[in-house]
Amino acid sequence: MAVNFDFPIKDSSEVIIKTTVKNIKSGIETTYYIAPQNNQIRVGHGMCSGAFTYDDNPDYEVEFTFMDASGNTTTWTGERIQFTKPTDEHWDDWKKKK
């Protein structure tokens, strides 16, 4: 299950995104580098693999740092984006749209 974030960046090179997800209740942070797909950043996991998993806590926050193929970075400067973990109901709705 995953949460998708729109990512309308314009760069002529490949971009990778340093993604940090924080469990608000426990304070635990997990960071992975994610390649965007179709102008979206997918934060979570599929049936077999993925960077992030969610526990029983529903509340998380995320921040992104963008890096282009030359190594130039744009660091997150605003507040982290708060989100609710995906549920089976949301996952089923997402699969129907695909």
Protein backbone atom coordinates (compact mmCIF):
# COMPACT_ATOMS: atom_id res chain seq x y z
CA MET A 1 0.00 0.00 0.00
CA ALA A 2 1.25 3.45 -0.82
CA VAL A 3 0.42 7.12 -0.85
CA ASN A 4 1.08 8.98 -4.11
CA PHE A 5 2.29 12.58 -4.14
CA ASP A 6 2.14 14.69 -7.29
CA PHE A 7 5.56 15.76 -8.49
CA PRO A 8 5.40 18.34 -11.30
CA ILE A 9 9.16 19.07 -11.47
CA LYS A 10 10.67 20.23 -14.73
CA ASP A 11 14.22 19.05 -15.32
CA SER A 12 15.88 17.89 -18.51
CA SER A 13 17.75 15.11 -16.68
CA GLU A 14 16.85 12.13 -14.56
CA VAL A 15 15.78 12.97 -11.01
CA ILE A 16 15.92 10.90 -7.84
CA ILE A 17 14.13 11.88 -4.65
CA LYS A 18 15.44 11.47 -1.13
CA THR A 19 12.24 10.69 0.76
CA THR A 20 12.02 10.79 4.55
CA VAL A 21 8.89 9.49 6.26
CA LYS A 22 8.34 10.09 9.98
CA ASN A 23 5.93 8.17 12.18
CA ILE A 24 4.45 11.06 14.18
CA LYS A 25 3.62 8.92 17.23
CA SER A 26 6.96 7.11 17.62
CA GLY A 27 9.20 9.75 16.03
CA ILE A 28 10.96 7.08 13.97
CA GLU A 29 12.18 8.30 10.58
CA THR A 30 12.97 6.18 7.55
CA THR A 31 14.77 7.52 4.48
CA TYR A 32 15.03 6.01 0.99
CA TYR A 33 15.86 7.28 -2.48
CA ILE A 34 12.91 6.89 -4.83
CA ALA A 35 12.66 7.32 -8.59
CA PRO A 36 9.47 9.14 -9.60
CA GLN A 37 6.95 7.43 -11.86
CA ASN A 38 4.56 9.36 -14.11
CA ASN A 39 5.12 12.62 -12.21
CA GLN A 40 4.30 10.96 -8.89
CA ILE A 41 6.28 9.92 -5.84
CA ARG A 42 4.96 6.62 -4.50
CA VAL A 43 5.58 6.35 -0.74
CA GLY A 44 4.88 2.85 0.54
CA HIS A 45 5.20 -0.68 -0.78
CA GLY A 46 3.57 -3.14 -3.13
CA MET A 47 2.81 -6.80 -2.55
CA CYS A 48 6.45 -7.86 -2.76
CA SER A 49 8.63 -4.86 -2.10
CA GLY A 50 8.86 -1.17 -1.40
CA ALA A 51 10.74 1.37 0.62
CA PHE A 52 8.26 2.15 3.35
CA THR A 53 5.93 0.14 5.56
CA TYR A 54 3.34 1.46 7.97
CA ASP A 55 2.49 0.23 11.47
CA ASP A 56 -0.74 0.64 13.46
CA ASN A 57 -0.27 4.40 13.84
CA PRO A 58 -2.27 6.23 11.15
CA ASP A 59 -0.37 9.54 11.22
CA TYR A 60 2.83 10.21 9.29
CA GLU A 61 4.69 13.08 7.67
CA VAL A 62 7.05 13.24 4.72
CA GLU A 63 9.67 15.51 3.21
CA PHE A 64 11.51 15.33 -0.11
CA THR A 65 14.92 16.40 -1.39
CA PHE A 66 15.30 16.38 -5.17
CA MET A 67 18.57 15.52 -6.92
CA ASP A 68 19.20 15.73 -10.65
CA ALA A 69 21.67 13.71 -12.72
CA SER A 70 24.41 16.31 -12.12
CA GLY A 71 24.08 15.97 -8.34
CA ASN A 72 22.34 19.33 -7.84
CA THR A 73 19.90 19.17 -4.95
CA THR A 74 16.87 21.12 -3.85
CA THR A 75 16.36 20.64 -0.13
CA TRP A 76 12.94 20.68 1.48
CA THR A 77 12.40 24.05 3.20
CA GLY A 78 8.76 24.05 4.24
CA GLU A 79 6.76 22.13 6.79
CA ARG A 80 6.62 18.41 6.27
CA ILE A 81 3.50 17.10 4.56
CA GLN A 82 1.26 15.24 6.99
CA PHE A 83 -0.71 12.26 5.69
CA THR A 84 -2.69 9.27 6.87
CA LYS A 85 -1.37 5.82 6.07
CA PRO A 86 -3.20 3.95 3.31
CA THR A 87 -5.81 1.42 4.33
CA ASP A 88 -7.07 -1.69 2.61
CA GLU A 89 -10.15 0.29 1.52
CA HIS A 90 -8.00 2.99 -0.10
CA TRP A 91 -5.79 0.34 -1.69
CA ASP A 92 -8.80 -1.41 -3.26
CA ASP A 93 -10.05 1.93 -4.66
CA TRP A 94 -6.59 2.66 -6.13
CA LYS A 95 -6.36 -0.77 -7.79
CA LYS A 96 -9.76 -0.27 -9.45
CA LYS A 97 -8.54 2.96 -11.07
CA LYS A 98 -5.51 1.29 -12.63
